[in-house]
Amino acid sequence: MNKIKIGIIGTGNIAKTHGGNLQSIPDVLLGSVFDINTKSSQAFAREFGMTVRNSIEEVFSDSDAVYITVPNKLHAELSLEALAAGKHVFCEKPFALNIGDAEKIVNAVNDAGVIYQLGFNRRFAPVYKKMKDFILGGDLVPVSFNIKMNRGELQTPPWTSNPEITGGFLFESTLHLIDMVCYLFGEVKKVTAVGSKTIYPCVDDFSMIFEMENGIHGVLSSSAHTTWMYPFERVEVYGNHFAISNDEMESVTYCSGLDQPYCQETFSTLPIEKRWGFIQEDSLFIARLLGKQEGDMDLIATHIDGYKNVELIENIYQQIGLGR
C-alpha cells in the first residue's frame, strides 16, 4: 500500500510535535516542508528527513495532505489555498479570525470534497475523553459547569499580545476551552460576556456565561496575566450528585454519588504527546485519509466546528465592545 505523503507549512514548535508523531506512523511519508525562515525549514528538514521547498505551491504539488502550522493570521489564507489545490488539510487552531473567512473555508471544504481536520488536541486528551465517556455513557448527565483557562503572561513571544497576529487572546489558549464547551455540552443557545483591557493592548480578561440548547448552563473565565500559577486549566462538570474535574492534562477526579468515594485517574506518566492528545489526533487524521477510521469520530473537530467557534468568539468580542 502506498504511504500518505504529508507536507508541512510552518516549522515552529507545534510543527515539531506533529512531525515527531507522524514519523511514528508506518503509513506516513514525510515529504516537503516550507517556512519563510529558510534556516528553520532546513533544520526541520534535517530533523525529520524531509525536503525543503521554495514555495507553498511546491509543497502542495508534492503532497497528498498538508499540515498548516503557521501563525494564526495565516490559517485561513493557507487553508483556502490548500483546498483550492485539492489537498486534505490538518490546520492548527484557530480555524479563521473572522466570520467571512470562516464561511469561505466551509464552502471550500464542501466544494473540494477532501478531509479537513482542525487541531483541537484537548478533545483527545485522556482527562477530557474521560469526561466525554461518562456523558456519552449516561453516567453523568450534566446540569452546569465551571471552567477556567488562564495564561501567565503575553510577553513571550512578544507577538502573543498583538491581535493583528493572533486575532485576539480568545483565539489563543482560551479557544481550546470554548471548543470544549461545545464538545462536552452541545449547541450554544446564548453567550453573555464582559471583558476588559487590563495589562495588555488586547482584551485580556473575560467572564462568560453559556446557556446551552439542552438547558445546561455554566461559566468560563479567562485571564492573560495571572502568573503561571497552577492549574491554569480546569473544567468542573456537575450532575445529579455526580461531579468530575481535571487538573490540567495530568489527572481527573470524580465522585458518582453522595455515598460513593471519590476516584482519581492520573495520566502524568504518559508522554506529553499522548497526555495532551497530539498523537491521538494525528493518528486519527491519517486513519481518516486511509479510510480506516472506525471509532472516535466524535472527537474530530471539523470545519463546521471551526465555523461555530469563530461565530461564538466574534459574538463575545462584539458584546464587550473594546475591539480585539
C-alpha atoms as a PDB file:
ATOM      1  CA  MET A   1       0.000   0.000   0.000  1.00  0.00           C
ATOM      2  CA  ASN A   2       1.281   3.469  -0.890  1.00  0.00           C
ATOM      3  CA  LYS A   3       2.061   5.741   2.026  1.00  0.00           C
ATOM      4  CA  ILE A   4       0.291   9.040   2.627  1.00  0.00           C
ATOM      5  CA  LYS A   5       2.687  11.820   1.688  1.00  0.00           C
ATOM      6  CA  ILE A   6       2.498  14.704   4.130  1.00  0.00           C
ATOM      7  CA  GLY A   7       3.704  18.265   3.558  1.00  0.00           C
ATOM      8  CA  ILE A   8       4.203  20.737   6.382  1.00  0.00           C
ATOM      9  CA  ILE A   9       3.915  24.527   6.144  1.00  0.00           C
ATOM     10  CA  GLY A  10       5.477  26.285   9.121  1.00  0.00           C
ATOM     11  CA  THR A  11       8.263  24.865  11.277  1.00  0.00           C
ATOM     12  CA  GLY A  12       7.645  26.145  14.812  1.00  0.00           C
ATOM     13  CA  ASN A  13       7.267  24.106  17.977  1.00  0.00           C
ATOM     14  CA  ILE A  14       3.843  22.696  17.168  1.00  0.00           C
ATOM     15  CA  ALA A  15       5.110  21.557  13.763  1.00  0.00           C
ATOM     16  CA  LYS A  16       7.865  19.646  15.526  1.00  0.00           C
ATOM     17  CA  THR A  17       5.299  17.942  17.741  1.00  0.00           C
ATOM     18  CA  HIS A  18       3.297  16.820  14.719  1.00  0.00           C
ATOM     19  CA  GLY A  19       6.447  15.865  12.818  1.00  0.00           C
ATOM     20  CA  GLY A  20       7.574  13.552  15.603  1.00  0.00           C
ATOM     21  CA  ASN A  21       4.128  11.964  15.834  1.00  0.00           C
ATOM     22  CA  LEU A  22       3.841  11.449  12.082  1.00  0.00           C
ATOM     23  CA  GLN A  23       7.284   9.857  11.954  1.00  0.00           C
ATOM     24  CA  SER A  24       5.989   7.076  14.192  1.00  0.00           C
ATOM     25  CA  ILE A  25       3.036   6.194  11.924  1.00  0.00           C
ATOM     26  CA  PRO A  26       4.056   3.483   9.386  1.00  0.00           C
ATOM     27  CA  ASP A  27       1.589   4.660   6.722  1.00  0.00           C
ATOM     28  CA  VAL A  28       3.105   8.170   6.580  1.00  0.00           C
ATOM     29  CA  LEU A  29       5.881   9.546   4.408  1.00  0.00           C
ATOM     30  CA  LEU A  30       7.052  12.981   5.479  1.00  0.00           C
ATOM     31  CA  GLY A  31       7.736  14.752   2.203  1.00  0.00           C
ATOM     32  CA  SER A  32       8.064  18.500   1.713  1.00  0.00           C
ATOM     33  CA  VAL A  33       8.360  21.418   4.108  1.00  0.00           C
ATOM     34  CA  PHE A  34       8.277  25.190   3.686  1.00  0.00           C
ATOM     35  CA  ASP A  35       8.847  28.098   6.037  1.00  0.00           C
ATOM     36  CA  ILE A  36       9.672  31.711   5.229  1.00  0.00           C
ATOM     37  CA  ASN A  37      12.618  31.269   7.629  1.00  0.00           C
ATOM     38  CA  THR A  38      14.950  29.238   5.436  1.00  0.00           C
ATOM     39  CA  LYS A  39      17.286  28.251   8.262  1.00  0.00           C
ATOM     40  CA  SER A  40      14.355  26.970  10.298  1.00  0.00           C
ATOM     41  CA  SER A  41      12.990  24.921   7.407  1.00  0.00           C
ATOM     42  CA  GLN A  42      16.421  23.454   6.687  1.00  0.00           C
ATOM     43  CA  ALA A  43      16.894  22.430  10.321  1.00  0.00           C
ATOM     44  CA  PHE A  44      13.382  20.964  10.371  1.00  0.00           C
ATOM     45  CA  ALA A  45      14.028  19.017   7.169  1.00  0.00           C
ATOM     46  CA  ARG A  46      17.222  17.534   8.617  1.00  0.00           C
ATOM     47  CA  GLU A  47      15.460  16.505  11.815  1.00  0.00           C
ATOM     48  CA  PHE A  48      12.517  14.810  10.116  1.00  0.00           C
ATOM     49  CA  GLY A  49      14.082  13.634   6.852  1.00  0.00           C
ATOM     50  CA  MET A  50      12.067  15.995   4.656  1.00  0.00           C
ATOM     51  CA  THR A  51      12.780  18.057   1.555  1.00  0.00           C
ATOM     52  CA  VAL A  52      12.836  21.862   1.725  1.00  0.00           C
ATOM     53  CA  ARG A  53      10.698  23.544  -0.928  1.00  0.00           C
ATOM     54  CA  ASN A  54      10.909  27.135  -2.120  1.00  0.00           C
ATOM     55  CA  SER A  55       7.184  27.872  -2.030  1.00  0.00           C
ATOM     56  CA  ILE A  56       3.876  26.742  -0.618  1.00  0.00           C
ATOM     57  CA  GLU A  57       2.784  25.741  -4.123  1.00  0.00           C
ATOM     58  CA  GLU A  58       5.712  23.321  -4.375  1.00  0.00           C
ATOM     59  CA  VAL A  59       4.629  21.685  -1.126  1.00  0.00           C
ATOM     60  CA  PHE A  60       1.102  21.283  -2.492  1.00  0.00           C
ATOM     61  CA  SER A  61       2.335  19.672  -5.692  1.00  0.00           C
ATOM     62  CA  ASP A  62       4.374  17.148  -3.721  1.00  0.00           C
ATOM     63  CA  SER A  63       1.814  16.168  -1.037  1.00  0.00           C
ATOM     64  CA  ASP A  64      -1.392  14.216  -0.523  1.00  0.00           C
ATOM     65  CA  ALA A  65      -2.200  16.214   2.594  1.00  0.00           C
ATOM     66  CA  VAL A  66      -0.735  19.270   4.300  1.00  0.00           C
ATOM     67  CA  TYR A  67      -0.301  20.379   7.880  1.00  0.00           C
ATOM     68  CA  ILE A  68      -0.744  24.128   8.372  1.00  0.00           C
ATOM     69  CA  THR A  69       1.259  25.159  11.444  1.00  0.00           C
ATOM     70  CA  VAL A  70       1.827  28.871  10.930  1.00  0.00           C
ATOM     71  CA  PRO A  71       0.779  31.973  12.954  1.00  0.00           C
ATOM     72  CA  ASN A  72      -2.963  32.449  13.434  1.00  0.00           C
ATOM     73  CA  LYS A  73      -3.384  35.267  10.924  1.00  0.00           C
ATOM     74  CA  LEU A  74      -2.295  32.977   8.058  1.00  0.00           C
ATOM     75  CA  HIS A  75      -4.535  29.979   8.783  1.00  0.00           C
ATOM     76  CA  ALA A  76      -7.474  30.993   6.628  1.00  0.00           C
ATOM     77  CA  GLU A  77      -5.396  32.126   3.651  1.00  0.00           C
ATOM     78  CA  LEU A  78      -3.293  28.953   3.538  1.00  0.00           C
ATOM     79  CA  SER A  79      -6.261  26.669   4.188  1.00  0.00           C
ATOM     80  CA  LEU A  80      -8.079  28.176   1.208  1.00  0.00           C
ATOM     81  CA  GLU A  81      -5.017  27.773  -0.998  1.00  0.00           C
ATOM     82  CA  ALA A  82      -4.548  24.152   0.053  1.00  0.00           C
ATOM     83  CA  LEU A  83      -8.223  23.357  -0.505  1.00  0.00           C
ATOM     84  CA  ALA A  84      -8.144  25.027  -3.922  1.00  0.00           C
ATOM     85  CA  ALA A  85      -5.239  22.709  -4.745  1.00  0.00           C
ATOM     86  CA  GLY A  86      -7.388  19.740  -3.743  1.00  0.00           C
ATOM     87  CA  LYS A  87      -5.336  18.760  -0.712  1.00  0.00           C
ATOM     88  CA  HIS A  88      -6.507  17.204   2.520  1.00  0.00           C
ATOM     89  CA  VAL A  89      -5.830  19.649   5.349  1.00  0.00           C
ATOM     90  CA  PHE A  90      -4.879  19.453   9.001  1.00  0.00           C
ATOM     91  CA  CYS A  91      -4.856  23.019  10.319  1.00  0.00           C
ATOM     92  CA  GLU A  92      -3.883  24.109  13.784  1.00  0.00           C
ATOM     93  CA  LYS A  93      -6.465  26.212  15.592  1.00  0.00           C
ATOM     94  CA  PRO A  94      -7.872  28.777  15.105  1.00  0.00           C
ATOM     95  CA  PHE A  95      -9.995  27.991  12.062  1.00  0.00           C
ATOM     96  CA  ALA A  96     -10.120  31.647  10.973  1.00  0.00           C
ATOM     97  CA  LEU A  97     -10.113  35.073  12.614  1.00  0.00           C
ATOM     98  CA  ASN A  98     -13.378  36.407  11.225  1.00  0.00           C
ATOM     99  CA  ILE A  99     -16.707  35.006  10.108  1.00  0.00           C
ATOM    100  CA  GLY A 100     -16.182  35.972   6.465  1.00  0.00           C
ATOM    101  CA  ASP A 101     -13.068  33.809   6.150  1.00  0.00           C
ATOM    102  CA  ALA A 102     -14.755  31.059   8.151  1.00  0.00           C
ATOM    103  CA  GLU A 103     -17.615  30.944   5.622  1.00  0.00           C
ATOM    104  CA  LYS A 104     -15.135  30.758   2.730  1.00  0.00           C
ATOM    105  CA  ILE A 105     -13.347  27.773   4.300  1.00  0.00           C
ATOM    106  CA  VAL A 106     -16.597  25.912   4.970  1.00  0.00           C
ATOM    107  CA  ASN A 107     -17.619  26.368   1.333  1.00  0.00           C
ATOM    108  CA  ALA A 108     -14.168  25.409   0.075  1.00  0.00           C
ATOM    109  CA  VAL A 109     -14.109  22.174   2.115  1.00  0.00           C
ATOM    110  CA  ASN A 110     -17.540  21.233   0.826  1.00  0.00           C
ATOM    111  CA  ASP A 111     -16.590  22.034  -2.768  1.00  0.00           C
ATOM    112  CA  ALA A 112     -13.230  20.242  -2.641  1.00  0.00           C
ATOM    113  CA  GLY A 113     -14.648  17.048  -1.130  1.00  0.00           C
ATOM    114  CA  VAL A 114     -11.495  16.493   0.908  1.00  0.00           C
ATOM    115  CA  ILE A 115     -10.817  15.725   4.562  1.00  0.00           C
ATOM    116  CA  TYR A 116     -10.337  18.738   6.809  1.00  0.00           C
ATOM    117  CA  GLN A 117      -9.404  18.463  10.482  1.00  0.00           C
ATOM    118  CA  LEU A 118      -8.831  21.243  12.996  1.00  0.00           C
ATOM    119  CA  GLY A 119      -6.140  20.943  15.677  1.00  0.00           C
ATOM    120  CA  PHE A 120      -8.135  20.788  18.913  1.00  0.00           C
ATOM    121  CA  ASN A 121      -5.882  18.341  20.752  1.00  0.00           C
ATOM    122  CA  ARG A 122      -7.777  18.748  24.048  1.00  0.00           C
ATOM    123  CA  ARG A 123     -10.621  16.659  22.650  1.00  0.00           C
ATOM    124  CA  PHE A 124      -8.216  13.703  22.558  1.00  0.00           C
ATOM    125  CA  ALA A 125      -6.549  14.262  25.936  1.00  0.00           C
ATOM    126  CA  PRO A 126      -7.382  11.403  28.357  1.00  0.00           C
ATOM    127  CA  VAL A 127      -8.749  13.767  31.034  1.00  0.00           C
ATOM    128  CA  TYR A 128     -11.369  15.199  28.681  1.00  0.00           C
ATOM    129  CA  LYS A 129     -12.076  11.904  26.963  1.00  0.00           C
ATOM    130  CA  LYS A 130     -12.940  10.508  30.407  1.00  0.00           C
ATOM    131  CA  MET A 131     -15.483  13.302  30.907  1.00  0.00           C
ATOM    132  CA  LYS A 132     -16.955  12.724  27.457  1.00  0.00           C
ATOM    133  CA  ASP A 133     -17.197   8.970  28.030  1.00  0.00           C
ATOM    134  CA  PHE A 134     -19.140   9.487  31.275  1.00  0.00           C
ATOM    135  CA  ILE A 135     -21.541  11.837  29.477  1.00  0.00           C
ATOM    136  CA  LEU A 136     -21.994   9.594  26.429  1.00  0.00           C
ATOM    137  CA  GLY A 137     -22.490   6.565  28.660  1.00  0.00           C
ATOM    138  CA  GLY A 138     -25.246   8.296  30.615  1.00  0.00           C
ATOM    139  CA  ASP A 139     -23.483   8.001  33.967  1.00  0.00           C
ATOM    140  CA  LEU A 140     -23.115  11.779  34.104  1.00  0.00           C
ATOM    141  CA  VAL A 141     -25.973  13.972  32.914  1.00  0.00           C
ATOM    142  CA  PRO A 142     -24.523  17.492  33.108  1.00  0.00           C
ATOM    143  CA  VAL A 143     -26.566  20.261  34.686  1.00  0.00           C
ATOM    144  CA  SER A 144     -23.952  23.000  34.984  1.00  0.00           C
ATOM    145  CA  PHE A 145     -20.221  23.645  34.625  1.00  0.00           C
ATOM    146  CA  ASN A 146     -17.425  25.908  35.784  1.00  0.00           C
ATOM    147  CA  ILE A 147     -14.366  26.401  33.554  1.00  0.00           C
ATOM    148  CA  LYS A 148     -11.205  28.477  33.661  1.00  0.00           C
ATOM    149  CA  MET A 149      -8.355  28.877  31.180  1.00  0.00           C
ATOM    150  CA  ASN A 150      -5.625  31.253  32.273  1.00  0.00           C
ATOM    151  CA  ARG A 151      -2.283  32.344  30.902  1.00  0.00           C
ATOM    152  CA  GLY A 152       0.584  33.731  32.952  1.00  0.00           C
ATOM    153  CA  GLU A 153       1.611  36.462  30.521  1.00  0.00           C
ATOM    154  CA  LEU A 154       1.548  37.679  26.935  1.00  0.00           C
ATOM    155  CA  GLN A 155       5.222  38.602  26.752  1.00  0.00           C
ATOM    156  CA  THR A 156       6.957  35.505  25.408  1.00  0.00           C
ATOM    157  CA  PRO A 157       6.952  35.663  22.471  1.00  0.00           C
ATOM    158  CA  PRO A 158       6.028  39.373  22.237  1.00  0.00           C
ATOM    159  CA  TRP A 159       3.537  38.937  19.388  1.00  0.00           C
ATOM    160  CA  THR A 160       1.122  36.992  21.638  1.00  0.00           C
ATOM    161  CA  SER A 161      -0.375  40.305  22.795  1.00  0.00           C
ATOM    162  CA  ASN A 162      -0.766  41.584  19.219  1.00  0.00           C
ATOM    163  CA  PRO A 163      -4.310  40.916  17.945  1.00  0.00           C
ATOM    164  CA  GLU A 164      -3.168  41.667  14.390  1.00  0.00           C
ATOM    165  CA  ILE A 165      -1.260  38.376  14.542  1.00  0.00           C
ATOM    166  CA  THR A 166      -3.303  36.268  16.971  1.00  0.00           C
ATOM    167  CA  GLY A 167      -6.799  37.584  16.258  1.00  0.00           C
ATOM    168  CA  GLY A 168      -7.112  38.379  19.961  1.00  0.00           C
ATOM    169  CA  PHE A 169      -6.462  36.473  23.179  1.00  0.00           C
ATOM    170  CA  LEU A 170      -9.602  34.334  22.792  1.00  0.00           C
ATOM    171  CA  PHE A 171      -8.099  32.814  19.654  1.00  0.00           C
ATOM    172  CA  GLU A 172      -5.080  31.647  21.633  1.00  0.00           C
ATOM    173  CA  SER A 173      -5.313  29.188  24.563  1.00  0.00           C
ATOM    174  CA  THR A 174      -8.861  30.126  25.584  1.00  0.00           C
ATOM    175  CA  LEU A 175     -10.243  28.882  22.279  1.00  0.00           C
ATOM    176  CA  HIS A 176      -9.473  25.305  23.358  1.00  0.00           C
ATOM    177  CA  LEU A 177     -11.980  25.505  26.205  1.00  0.00           C
ATOM    178  CA  ILE A 178     -14.561  27.447  24.237  1.00  0.00           C
ATOM    179  CA  ASP A 179     -14.444  24.451  21.935  1.00  0.00           C
ATOM    180  CA  MET A 180     -14.644  22.152  24.976  1.00  0.00           C
ATOM    181  CA  VAL A 181     -17.947  23.788  25.983  1.00  0.00           C
ATOM    182  CA  CYS A 182     -19.422  22.724  22.642  1.00  0.00           C
ATOM    183  CA  TYR A 183     -17.686  19.328  22.611  1.00  0.00           C
ATOM    184  CA  LEU A 184     -18.961  18.319  26.055  1.00  0.00           C
ATOM    185  CA  PHE A 185     -22.322  20.082  26.265  1.00  0.00           C
ATOM    186  CA  GLY A 186     -23.687  20.568  22.739  1.00  0.00           C
ATOM    187  CA  GLU A 187     -25.052  23.593  20.915  1.00  0.00           C
ATOM    188  CA  VAL A 188     -24.775  27.050  22.451  1.00  0.00           C
ATOM    189  CA  LYS A 189     -28.090  28.890  22.715  1.00  0.00           C
ATOM    190  CA  LYS A 190     -26.735  32.113  24.188  1.00  0.00           C
ATOM    191  CA  VAL A 191     -23.461  33.505  25.481  1.00  0.00           C
ATOM    192  CA  THR A 192     -23.216  36.617  27.655  1.00  0.00           C
ATOM    193  CA  ALA A 193     -19.785  38.184  28.095  1.00  0.00           C
ATOM    194  CA  VAL A 194     -17.916  41.006  29.774  1.00  0.00           C
ATOM    195  CA  GLY A 195     -14.227  41.796  29.452  1.00  0.00           C
ATOM    196  CA  SER A 196     -11.517  44.392  29.826  1.00  0.00           C
ATOM    197  CA  LYS A 197      -8.142  45.550  28.581  1.00  0.00           C
ATOM    198  CA  THR A 198      -6.207  45.442  31.818  1.00  0.00           C
ATOM    199  CA  ILE A 199      -2.479  44.895  31.276  1.00  0.00           C
ATOM    200  CA  TYR A 200      -2.013  44.342  27.550  1.00  0.00           C
ATOM    201  CA  PRO A 201      -3.226  46.203  24.433  1.00  0.00           C
ATOM    202  CA  CYS A 202      -5.663  43.374  23.651  1.00  0.00           C
ATOM    203  CA  VAL A 203      -8.710  42.346  25.688  1.00  0.00           C
ATOM    204  CA  ASP A 204      -7.024  40.217  28.344  1.00  0.00           C
ATOM    205  CA  ASP A 205      -9.795  39.441  30.885  1.00  0.00           C
ATOM    206  CA  PHE A 206     -13.015  37.597  30.077  1.00  0.00           C
ATOM    207  CA  SER A 207     -16.040  36.385  32.043  1.00  0.00           C
ATOM    208  CA  MET A 208     -18.621  34.439  30.049  1.00  0.00           C
ATOM    209  CA  ILE A 209     -21.931  32.745  30.829  1.00  0.00           C
ATOM    210  CA  PHE A 210     -23.045  29.996  28.456  1.00  0.00           C
ATOM    211  CA  GLU A 211     -26.627  28.799  28.083  1.00  0.00           C
ATOM    212  CA  MET A 212     -26.905  25.619  26.015  1.00  0.00           C
ATOM    213  CA  GLU A 213     -29.799  24.480  23.832  1.00  0.00           C
ATOM    214  CA  ASN A 214     -30.314  21.437  26.106  1.00  0.00           C
ATOM    215  CA  GLY A 215     -30.676  23.555  29.256  1.00  0.00           C
ATOM    216  CA  ILE A 216     -27.150  23.092  30.610  1.00  0.00           C
ATOM    217  CA  HIS A 217     -25.511  26.332  31.730  1.00  0.00           C
ATOM    218  CA  GLY A 218     -22.143  27.387  33.053  1.00  0.00           C
ATOM    219  CA  VAL A 219     -19.370  29.934  33.266  1.00  0.00           C
ATOM    220  CA  LEU A 220     -15.971  30.271  31.618  1.00  0.00           C
ATOM    221  CA  SER A 221     -13.372  32.772  32.798  1.00  0.00           C
ATOM    222  CA  SER A 222     -10.013  33.525  31.224  1.00  0.00           C
ATOM    223  CA  SER A 223      -7.221  35.936  32.094  1.00  0.00           C
ATOM    224  CA  ALA A 224      -3.927  36.617  30.328  1.00  0.00           C
ATOM    225  CA  HIS A 225      -1.890  37.982  33.252  1.00  0.00           C
ATOM    226  CA  THR A 226      -2.255  35.503  36.109  1.00  0.00           C
ATOM    227  CA  THR A 227       1.389  34.424  36.571  1.00  0.00           C
ATOM    228  CA  TRP A 228       1.936  30.743  35.857  1.00  0.00           C
ATOM    229  CA  MET A 229       0.023  29.660  38.942  1.00  0.00           C
ATOM    230  CA  TYR A 230      -1.403  26.185  38.522  1.00  0.00           C
ATOM    231  CA  PRO A 231      -3.697  24.722  37.456  1.00  0.00           C
ATOM    232  CA  PHE A 232      -4.038  27.156  34.576  1.00  0.00           C
ATOM    233  CA  GLU A 233      -6.727  24.965  33.003  1.00  0.00           C
ATOM    234  CA  ARG A 234      -9.664  23.327  34.749  1.00  0.00           C
ATOM    235  CA  VAL A 235     -13.108  22.047  33.821  1.00  0.00           C
ATOM    236  CA  GLU A 236     -15.654  21.126  36.510  1.00  0.00           C
ATOM    237  CA  VAL A 237     -18.895  19.395  35.475  1.00  0.00           C
ATOM    238  CA  TYR A 238     -21.821  18.931  37.862  1.00  0.00           C
ATOM    239  CA  GLY A 239     -24.651  16.413  37.505  1.00  0.00           C
ATOM    240  CA  ASN A 240     -27.081  14.806  39.943  1.00  0.00           C
ATOM    241  CA  HIS A 241     -24.662  14.374  42.854  1.00  0.00           C
ATOM    242  CA  PHE A 242     -22.039  13.424  40.253  1.00  0.00           C
ATOM    243  CA  ALA A 243     -19.068  15.744  39.795  1.00  0.00           C
ATOM    244  CA  ILE A 244     -15.903  15.468  37.743  1.00  0.00           C
ATOM    245  CA  SER A 245     -12.948  17.829  37.296  1.00  0.00           C
ATOM    246  CA  ASN A 246      -9.462  17.792  35.837  1.00  0.00           C
ATOM    247  CA  ASP A 247      -6.083  19.101  36.933  1.00  0.00           C
ATOM    248  CA  GLU A 248      -4.885  20.314  33.536  1.00  0.00           C
ATOM    249  CA  MET A 249      -3.952  17.232  31.489  1.00  0.00           C
ATOM    250  CA  GLU A 250      -2.425  15.474  34.487  1.00  0.00           C
ATOM    251  CA  SER A 251      -5.381  13.852  36.254  1.00  0.00           C
ATOM    252  CA  VAL A 252      -9.140  13.634  36.519  1.00  0.00           C
ATOM    253  CA  THR A 253     -11.099  13.311  39.768  1.00  0.00           C
ATOM    254  CA  TYR A 254     -14.740  12.293  40.064  1.00  0.00           C
ATOM    255  CA  CYS A 255     -17.404  11.245  42.543  1.00  0.00           C
ATOM    256  CA  SER A 256     -20.502   9.406  41.310  1.00  0.00           C
ATOM    257  CA  GLY A 257     -22.822   9.860  44.303  1.00  0.00           C
ATOM    258  CA  LEU A 258     -23.267  11.084  47.848  1.00  0.00           C
ATOM    259  CA  ASP A 259     -22.455   7.662  49.261  1.00  0.00           C
ATOM    260  CA  GLN A 260     -19.585   6.991  46.876  1.00  0.00           C
ATOM    261  CA  PRO A 261     -15.846   7.579  47.392  1.00  0.00           C
ATOM    262  CA  TYR A 262     -14.107   9.927  45.030  1.00  0.00           C
ATOM    263  CA  CYS A 263     -11.808   8.387  42.436  1.00  0.00           C
ATOM    264  CA  GLN A 264      -8.778   9.818  40.704  1.00  0.00           C
ATOM    265  CA  GLU A 265      -7.097   8.722  37.494  1.00  0.00           C
ATOM    266  CA  THR A 266      -3.618  10.056  36.811  1.00  0.00           C
ATOM    267  CA  PHE A 267      -2.036  10.377  33.377  1.00  0.00           C
ATOM    268  CA  SER A 268       1.173  12.164  34.364  1.00  0.00           C
ATOM    269  CA  THR A 269       3.343   9.166  33.414  1.00  0.00           C
ATOM    270  CA  LEU A 270       2.183   9.281  29.792  1.00  0.00           C
ATOM    271  CA  PRO A 271       4.427  11.093  27.317  1.00  0.00           C
ATOM    272  CA  ILE A 272       3.204  14.650  26.802  1.00  0.00           C
ATOM    273  CA  GLU A 273       2.257  13.972  23.158  1.00  0.00           C
ATOM    274  CA  LYS A 274      -0.261  11.384  24.374  1.00  0.00           C
ATOM    275  CA  ARG A 275      -1.222  13.145  27.602  1.00  0.00           C
ATOM    276  CA  TRP A 276      -2.157  16.269  25.652  1.00  0.00           C
ATOM    277  CA  GLY A 277      -3.843  14.323  22.823  1.00  0.00           C
ATOM    278  CA  PHE A 278      -1.467  15.223  19.989  1.00  0.00           C
ATOM    279  CA  ILE A 279      -0.529  11.695  18.903  1.00  0.00           C
ATOM    280  CA  GLN A 280      -4.171  10.614  19.012  1.00  0.00           C
ATOM    281  CA  GLU A 281      -5.364  13.466  16.765  1.00  0.00           C
ATOM    282  CA  ASP A 282      -2.564  12.848  14.271  1.00  0.00           C
ATOM    283  CA  SER A 283      -3.242   9.105  14.221  1.00  0.00           C
ATOM    284  CA  LEU A 284      -6.946   9.644  13.605  1.00  0.00           C
ATOM    285  CA  PHE A 285      -6.287  12.153  10.812  1.00  0.00           C
ATOM    286  CA  ILE A 286      -4.095   9.619   8.998  1.00  0.00           C
ATOM    287  CA  ALA A 287      -6.650   6.857   9.608  1.00  0.00           C
ATOM    288  CA  ARG A 288      -9.296   9.077   8.004  1.00  0.00           C
ATOM    289  CA  LEU A 289      -7.077   9.619   4.958  1.00  0.00           C
ATOM    290  CA  LEU A 290      -6.660   5.846   4.648  1.00  0.00           C
ATOM    291  CA  GLY A 291     -10.373   5.185   5.153  1.00  0.00           C
ATOM    292  CA  LYS A 292      -9.592   3.146   8.258  1.00  0.00           C
ATOM    293  CA  GLN A 293     -11.396   5.144  10.929  1.00  0.00           C
ATOM    294  CA  GLU A 294     -13.821   3.038  12.949  1.00  0.00           C
ATOM    295  CA  GLY A 295     -14.444   4.782  16.266  1.00  0.00           C
ATOM    296  CA  ASP A 296     -13.760   8.097  17.964  1.00  0.00           C
ATOM    297  CA  MET A 297     -15.269  10.115  15.124  1.00  0.00           C
ATOM    298  CA  ASP A 298     -16.988  12.306  17.721  1.00  0.00           C
ATOM    299  CA  LEU A 299     -13.530  13.515  18.752  1.00  0.00           C
ATOM    300  CA  ILE A 300     -12.863  15.194  15.426  1.00  0.00           C
ATOM    301  CA  ALA A 301     -13.065  18.978  15.129  1.00  0.00           C
ATOM    302  CA  THR A 302     -14.437  19.605  11.640  1.00  0.00           C
ATOM    303  CA  HIS A 303     -14.791  22.733   9.524  1.00  0.00           C
ATOM    304  CA  ILE A 304     -18.316  23.088  10.929  1.00  0.00           C
ATOM    305  CA  ASP A 305     -16.925  23.098  14.478  1.00  0.00           C
ATOM    306  CA  GLY A 306     -14.371  25.689  13.389  1.00  0.00           C
ATOM    307  CA  TYR A 307     -17.069  27.938  11.988  1.00  0.00           C
ATOM    308  CA  LYS A 308     -19.134  27.725  15.177  1.00  0.00           C
ATOM    309  CA  ASN A 309     -16.125  28.664  17.291  1.00  0.00           C
ATOM    310  CA  VAL A 310     -15.392  31.748  15.193  1.00  0.00           C
ATOM    311  CA  GLU A 311     -19.064  32.744  15.351  1.00  0.00           C
ATOM    312  CA  LEU A 312     -19.055  32.462  19.159  1.00  0.00           C
ATOM    313  CA  ILE A 313     -15.851  34.439  19.557  1.00  0.00           C
ATOM    314  CA  GLU A 314     -16.994  37.239  17.273  1.00  0.00           C
ATOM    315  CA  ASN A 315     -20.205  37.444  19.323  1.00  0.00           C
ATOM    316  CA  ILE A 316     -18.192  37.697  22.551  1.00  0.00           C
ATOM    317  CA  TYR A 317     -15.938  40.455  21.232  1.00  0.00           C
ATOM    318  CA  GLN A 318     -18.926  42.389  19.901  1.00  0.00           C
ATOM    319  CA  GLN A 319     -20.625  42.261  23.306  1.00  0.00           C
ATOM    320  CA  ILE A 320     -17.522  43.534  25.071  1.00  0.00           C
ATOM    321  CA  GLY A 321     -17.122  46.352  22.563  1.00  0.00           C
ATOM    322  CA  LEU A 322     -13.407  47.007  23.005  1.00  0.00           C
ATOM    323  CA  GLY A 323     -12.123  45.553  19.759  1.00  0.00           C
ATOM    324  CA  ARG A 324      -9.786  42.593  19.943  1.00  0.00           C
END
